[in-house]
């Protein structure tokens, strides 16, 4: 019997993916509040920051208008194919994805223009997606 599909949740708000200079000194306020998604990645020659759109650093190169879908976790490191299944469904629906993994789970950022198509495709494939309440 194949494993059950993971449940996803749509995080509130909009996100930006920013490219910072390698020597950029990050102000911790750009990471937002506890409980919000923020990721800083450093690699040779670059720093990338995912943060709330309204917190993006002034002057930074940024792609904006993303919505984040999180996989309800924590996910065990032995699990195989979680991201492949999700991105395969979204690729089939022609939805571009920016993927992030943390110790406990995975996140997919999708452009606002593709959000409705992404949610429809994921639900049609059998994924449950919890959305924030409007209250």
C-alpha atoms as a PDB file:
ATOM      1  CA  UNK A   1       0.000   0.000   0.000  1.00  0.00           C
ATOM      2  CA  UNK A   2       1.523   3.355  -1.034  1.00  0.00           C
ATOM      3  CA  UNK A   3       2.085   5.950   1.695  1.00  0.00           C
ATOM      4  CA  UNK A   4      -0.608   8.560   2.222  1.00  0.00           C
ATOM      5  CA  UNK A   5      -0.145  11.867   0.484  1.00  0.00           C
ATOM      6  CA  UNK A   6       0.986  14.626   2.824  1.00  0.00           C
ATOM      7  CA  UNK A   7      -1.334  17.471   3.767  1.00  0.00           C
ATOM      8  CA  UNK A   8      -0.325  20.987   2.760  1.00  0.00           C
ATOM      9  CA  UNK A   9      -1.180  24.339   4.223  1.00  0.00           C
ATOM     10  CA  UNK A  10      -1.244  27.705   2.531  1.00  0.00           C
ATOM     11  CA  UNK A  11       0.663  30.217   4.600  1.00  0.00           C
ATOM     12  CA  UNK A  12      -0.867  33.692   4.857  1.00  0.00           C
ATOM     13  CA  UNK A  13       0.733  36.613   3.065  1.00  0.00           C
ATOM     14  CA  UNK A  14       3.026  37.107   0.112  1.00  0.00           C
ATOM     15  CA  UNK A  15       6.720  36.340  -0.100  1.00  0.00           C
ATOM     16  CA  UNK A  16       9.759  37.607  -1.978  1.00  0.00           C
ATOM     17  CA  UNK A  17      12.857  35.725  -3.117  1.00  0.00           C
ATOM     18  CA  UNK A  18      15.795  38.132  -2.882  1.00  0.00           C
ATOM     19  CA  UNK A  19      19.355  37.967  -4.144  1.00  0.00           C
ATOM     20  CA  UNK A  20      21.760  39.756  -1.843  1.00  0.00           C
ATOM     21  CA  UNK A  21      25.393  40.671  -2.401  1.00  0.00           C
ATOM     22  CA  UNK A  22      27.739  38.082  -0.866  1.00  0.00           C
ATOM     23  CA  UNK A  23      28.958  40.633   1.680  1.00  0.00           C
ATOM     24  CA  UNK A  24      25.470  41.897   2.606  1.00  0.00           C
ATOM     25  CA  UNK A  25      25.063  42.241   6.360  1.00  0.00           C
ATOM     26  CA  UNK A  26      21.566  41.016   7.105  1.00  0.00           C
ATOM     27  CA  UNK A  27      19.370  42.987   9.466  1.00  0.00           C
ATOM     28  CA  UNK A  28      17.533  40.410  11.599  1.00  0.00           C
ATOM     29  CA  UNK A  29      14.286  42.403  11.282  1.00  0.00           C
ATOM     30  CA  UNK A  30      14.064  41.189   7.659  1.00  0.00           C
ATOM     31  CA  UNK A  31      13.294  37.725   8.999  1.00  0.00           C
ATOM     32  CA  UNK A  32       9.926  38.875  10.367  1.00  0.00           C
ATOM     33  CA  UNK A  33       8.236  37.484  13.446  1.00  0.00           C
ATOM     34  CA  UNK A  34       8.566  34.064  15.031  1.00  0.00           C
ATOM     35  CA  UNK A  35       6.245  31.653  13.269  1.00  0.00           C
ATOM     36  CA  UNK A  36       6.690  33.277   9.835  1.00  0.00           C
ATOM     37  CA  UNK A  37       8.592  31.708   6.971  1.00  0.00           C
ATOM     38  CA  UNK A  38      12.021  33.257   6.403  1.00  0.00           C
ATOM     39  CA  UNK A  39      15.060  31.510   4.967  1.00  0.00           C
ATOM     40  CA  UNK A  40      18.594  32.776   4.417  1.00  0.00           C
ATOM     41  CA  UNK A  41      20.862  30.679   2.213  1.00  0.00           C
ATOM     42  CA  UNK A  42      24.514  31.409   1.678  1.00  0.00           C
ATOM     43  CA  UNK A  43      26.444  29.823  -1.174  1.00  0.00           C
ATOM     44  CA  UNK A  44      29.688  30.686  -2.943  1.00  0.00           C
ATOM     45  CA  UNK A  45      29.196  34.110  -4.499  1.00  0.00           C
ATOM     46  CA  UNK A  46      25.666  34.830  -3.287  1.00  0.00           C
ATOM     47  CA  UNK A  47      23.178  35.087  -0.482  1.00  0.00           C
ATOM     48  CA  UNK A  48      19.501  34.430  -1.019  1.00  0.00           C
ATOM     49  CA  UNK A  49      16.712  35.494   1.283  1.00  0.00           C
ATOM     50  CA  UNK A  50      13.093  34.379   1.291  1.00  0.00           C
ATOM     51  CA  UNK A  51      11.016  36.720   3.423  1.00  0.00           C
ATOM     52  CA  UNK A  52       7.670  38.446   3.623  1.00  0.00           C
ATOM     53  CA  UNK A  53       7.332  40.625   0.566  1.00  0.00           C
ATOM     54  CA  UNK A  54       6.948  43.803   2.639  1.00  0.00           C
ATOM     55  CA  UNK A  55      10.266  43.102   4.410  1.00  0.00           C
ATOM     56  CA  UNK A  56      12.475  42.666   1.341  1.00  0.00           C
ATOM     57  CA  UNK A  57      15.712  44.648   1.614  1.00  0.00           C
ATOM     58  CA  UNK A  58      15.699  47.992  -0.209  1.00  0.00           C
ATOM     59  CA  UNK A  59      17.740  47.835  -3.394  1.00  0.00           C
ATOM     60  CA  UNK A  60      17.977  44.037  -3.427  1.00  0.00           C
ATOM     61  CA  UNK A  61      17.196  42.169  -6.619  1.00  0.00           C
ATOM     62  CA  UNK A  62      13.915  40.428  -5.814  1.00  0.00           C
ATOM     63  CA  UNK A  63      11.168  38.349  -7.338  1.00  0.00           C
ATOM     64  CA  UNK A  64       7.917  39.132  -5.546  1.00  0.00           C
ATOM     65  CA  UNK A  65       4.330  37.925  -5.414  1.00  0.00           C
ATOM     66  CA  UNK A  66       4.893  34.369  -4.174  1.00  0.00           C
ATOM     67  CA  UNK A  67       2.533  32.353  -2.006  1.00  0.00           C
ATOM     68  CA  UNK A  68       3.926  29.583   0.189  1.00  0.00           C
ATOM     69  CA  UNK A  69       2.564  26.071   0.585  1.00  0.00           C
ATOM     70  CA  UNK A  70       4.022  24.079   3.474  1.00  0.00           C
ATOM     71  CA  UNK A  71       3.969  20.324   3.869  1.00  0.00           C
ATOM     72  CA  UNK A  72       2.508  19.470   7.270  1.00  0.00           C
ATOM     73  CA  UNK A  73       5.405  17.903   9.139  1.00  0.00           C
ATOM     74  CA  UNK A  74       7.674  17.039  10.614  1.00  0.00           C
ATOM     75  CA  UNK A  75       8.830  14.770   7.815  1.00  0.00           C
ATOM     76  CA  UNK A  76      11.153  11.883   8.538  1.00  0.00           C
ATOM     77  CA  UNK A  77      14.461  12.014   6.658  1.00  0.00           C
ATOM     78  CA  UNK A  78      13.848   8.490   5.336  1.00  0.00           C
ATOM     79  CA  UNK A  79      10.790   9.560   3.319  1.00  0.00           C
ATOM     80  CA  UNK A  80      11.312   9.433  -0.417  1.00  0.00           C
ATOM     81  CA  UNK A  81       9.588  11.362  -3.191  1.00  0.00           C
ATOM     82  CA  UNK A  82       7.638  14.004  -1.251  1.00  0.00           C
ATOM     83  CA  UNK A  83       8.985  16.937  -3.281  1.00  0.00           C
ATOM     84  CA  UNK A  84       9.051  14.906  -6.481  1.00  0.00           C
ATOM     85  CA  UNK A  85       5.348  14.117  -6.140  1.00  0.00           C
ATOM     86  CA  UNK A  86       4.390  17.705  -5.431  1.00  0.00           C
ATOM     87  CA  UNK A  87       6.569  19.280  -8.097  1.00  0.00           C
ATOM     88  CA  UNK A  88       5.490  16.665 -10.622  1.00  0.00           C
ATOM     89  CA  UNK A  89       1.838  17.600 -10.128  1.00  0.00           C
ATOM     90  CA  UNK A  90       2.661  21.293 -10.388  1.00  0.00           C
ATOM     91  CA  UNK A  91       4.869  20.799 -13.450  1.00  0.00           C
ATOM     92  CA  UNK A  92       1.975  18.993 -15.120  1.00  0.00           C
ATOM     93  CA  UNK A  93      -0.187  22.043 -14.419  1.00  0.00           C
ATOM     94  CA  UNK A  94       2.580  24.345 -15.740  1.00  0.00           C
ATOM     95  CA  UNK A  95       3.072  25.997 -12.342  1.00  0.00           C
ATOM     96  CA  UNK A  96       6.601  27.262 -11.648  1.00  0.00           C
ATOM     97  CA  UNK A  97       7.942  26.412  -8.186  1.00  0.00           C
ATOM     98  CA  UNK A  98      10.666  27.660  -5.851  1.00  0.00           C
ATOM     99  CA  UNK A  99      11.295  24.879  -3.314  1.00  0.00           C
ATOM    100  CA  UNK A 100      12.728  25.211   0.191  1.00  0.00           C
ATOM    101  CA  UNK A 101      13.469  22.459   2.669  1.00  0.00           C
ATOM    102  CA  UNK A 102      13.980  22.879   6.392  1.00  0.00           C
ATOM    103  CA  UNK A 103      14.886  20.301   9.009  1.00  0.00           C
ATOM    104  CA  UNK A 104      11.212  19.428   9.609  1.00  0.00           C
ATOM    105  CA  UNK A 105       9.423  19.991   6.315  1.00  0.00           C
ATOM    106  CA  UNK A 106       9.287  21.339   2.764  1.00  0.00           C
ATOM    107  CA  UNK A 107       7.819  24.523   1.320  1.00  0.00           C
ATOM    108  CA  UNK A 108       6.822  25.391  -2.221  1.00  0.00           C
ATOM    109  CA  UNK A 109       6.593  29.005  -3.337  1.00  0.00           C
ATOM    110  CA  UNK A 110       4.322  29.574  -6.320  1.00  0.00           C
ATOM    111  CA  UNK A 111       3.637  32.844  -8.135  1.00  0.00           C
ATOM    112  CA  UNK A 112       0.360  34.538  -7.282  1.00  0.00           C
ATOM    113  CA  UNK A 113      -0.765  34.284 -10.920  1.00  0.00           C
ATOM    114  CA  UNK A 114      -0.457  30.482 -10.688  1.00  0.00           C
ATOM    115  CA  UNK A 115      -1.861  29.933  -7.190  1.00  0.00           C
ATOM    116  CA  UNK A 116      -5.413  28.968  -8.163  1.00  0.00           C
ATOM    117  CA  UNK A 117      -4.108  26.535 -10.806  1.00  0.00           C
ATOM    118  CA  UNK A 118      -1.655  25.065  -8.274  1.00  0.00           C
ATOM    119  CA  UNK A 119      -4.339  24.493  -5.641  1.00  0.00           C
ATOM    120  CA  UNK A 120      -6.686  22.962  -8.199  1.00  0.00           C
ATOM    121  CA  UNK A 121      -4.010  20.600  -9.534  1.00  0.00           C
ATOM    122  CA  UNK A 122      -2.872  19.506  -6.064  1.00  0.00           C
ATOM    123  CA  UNK A 123      -6.426  18.815  -4.906  1.00  0.00           C
ATOM    124  CA  UNK A 124      -7.220  16.942  -8.127  1.00  0.00           C
ATOM    125  CA  UNK A 125      -4.160  14.752  -7.444  1.00  0.00           C
ATOM    126  CA  UNK A 126      -5.496  13.894  -3.981  1.00  0.00           C
ATOM    127  CA  UNK A 127      -3.574  16.343  -1.775  1.00  0.00           C
ATOM    128  CA  UNK A 128      -5.451  18.095   1.012  1.00  0.00           C
ATOM    129  CA  UNK A 129      -4.671  21.810   1.197  1.00  0.00           C
ATOM    130  CA  UNK A 130      -5.672  23.797   4.279  1.00  0.00           C
ATOM    131  CA  UNK A 131      -6.140  27.507   3.675  1.00  0.00           C
ATOM    132  CA  UNK A 132      -6.017  30.292   6.274  1.00  0.00           C
ATOM    133  CA  UNK A 133      -9.398  31.455   7.487  1.00  0.00           C
ATOM    134  CA  UNK A 134     -10.543  34.824   6.234  1.00  0.00           C
ATOM    135  CA  UNK A 135     -11.543  35.987   9.710  1.00  0.00           C
END
